[in-house]
Amino acid sequence: MRLGLALLGPSPEAAAEDGDRTAAGRAITYRPEVVRALYARVTEAIGKAPDPVRLAAWTGAPGHAGDIPPLPLTGTV
């Protein structure tokens, strides 16, 4: 959960990474069980652990996100 929240925060890196960071943060924050299960299956299948942030970014990408809710807008109720 902390990794997800950290990824949702502003990035000192290039703006191009922000989309991946946001997708990863959303996936880890809203569907940690999916990311955890996928991580375990990929590790078992290929024999080594994948990069957790890249895996979460792929999982949370708009085409793969499924029912992950959009990020709330700051200052709205």
Protein backbone atom coordinates (compact mmCIF):
# COMPACT_ATOMS: atom_id res chain seq x y z
CA MET A 1 0.00 0.00 0.00
CA ARG A 2 2.81 2.43 0.82
CA LEU A 3 4.43 1.79 -2.55
CA GLY A 4 1.12 2.57 -4.25
CA LEU A 5 0.75 5.83 -2.37
CA ALA A 6 4.35 6.79 -3.08
CA LEU A 7 3.82 6.18 -6.78
CA LEU A 8 0.75 8.40 -6.79
CA GLY A 9 2.77 11.33 -5.46
CA PRO A 10 4.59 13.81 -7.68
CA SER A 11 7.65 12.44 -9.45
CA PRO A 12 10.98 14.26 -9.63
CA GLU A 13 11.61 12.20 -12.80
CA ALA A 14 10.55 13.05 -16.34
CA ALA A 15 6.87 13.70 -17.01
CA ALA A 16 6.81 10.73 -19.41
CA GLU A 17 7.06 8.39 -16.42
CA ASP A 18 4.10 9.97 -14.64
CA GLY A 19 1.54 7.94 -16.60
CA ASP A 20 3.24 4.67 -15.67
CA ARG A 21 3.68 5.79 -12.06
CA THR A 22 0.00 6.73 -11.84
CA ALA A 23 -1.13 3.44 -13.39
CA ALA A 24 1.12 1.48 -11.03
CA GLY A 25 0.00 3.48 -8.01
CA ARG A 26 -3.67 2.98 -8.86
CA ALA A 27 -3.25 -0.76 -9.37
CA ILE A 28 -1.32 -1.24 -6.13
CA THR A 29 -3.62 1.01 -4.10
CA TYR A 30 -7.00 -0.18 -5.40
CA ARG A 31 -6.27 -3.80 -6.37
CA PRO A 32 -3.22 -4.99 -4.42
CA GLU A 33 -4.48 -8.58 -4.47
CA VAL A 34 -4.45 -8.61 -8.28
CA VAL A 35 -0.93 -7.21 -8.49
CA ARG A 36 0.28 -9.63 -5.78
CA ALA A 37 -1.28 -12.66 -7.50
CA LEU A 38 0.04 -11.66 -10.92
CA TYR A 39 3.50 -11.07 -9.44
CA ALA A 40 3.49 -14.58 -7.93
CA ARG A 41 2.32 -16.20 -11.19
CA VAL A 42 4.89 -14.39 -13.33
CA THR A 43 7.66 -15.26 -10.87
CA GLU A 44 6.61 -18.91 -10.97
CA ALA A 45 6.33 -18.95 -14.77
CA ILE A 46 9.66 -17.33 -15.63
CA GLY A 47 11.69 -18.37 -12.61
CA LYS A 48 12.62 -14.86 -11.52
CA ALA A 49 10.79 -11.93 -9.98
CA PRO A 50 9.60 -9.17 -12.32
CA ASP A 51 10.01 -5.49 -11.55
CA PRO A 52 7.01 -4.82 -9.28
CA VAL A 53 6.47 -1.23 -10.46
CA ARG A 54 6.54 -2.16 -14.16
CA LEU A 55 4.19 -5.07 -13.52
CA ALA A 56 1.80 -2.84 -11.57
CA ALA A 57 1.98 -0.16 -14.29
CA TRP A 58 1.00 -2.74 -16.89
CA THR A 59 -1.80 -4.01 -14.65
CA GLY A 60 -3.12 -0.49 -14.03
CA ALA A 61 -2.81 0.68 -17.65
CA PRO A 62 -6.10 1.97 -19.10
CA GLY A 63 -6.52 -1.06 -21.37
CA HIS A 64 -5.97 -3.49 -18.49
CA ALA A 65 -7.42 -1.58 -15.55
CA GLY A 66 -10.91 -3.06 -15.63
CA ASP A 67 -12.81 -1.77 -12.63
CA ILE A 68 -10.05 0.30 -11.02
CA PRO A 69 -11.70 3.65 -10.27
CA PRO A 70 -10.17 6.86 -11.64
CA LEU A 71 -8.17 9.03 -9.30
CA PRO A 72 -10.29 11.51 -7.38
CA LEU A 73 -9.81 15.14 -8.36
CA THR A 74 -8.28 17.29 -5.65
CA GLY A 75 -10.74 19.66 -4.06
CA THR A 76 -13.89 17.97 -5.31
CA VAL A 77 -16.55 16.35 -3.21
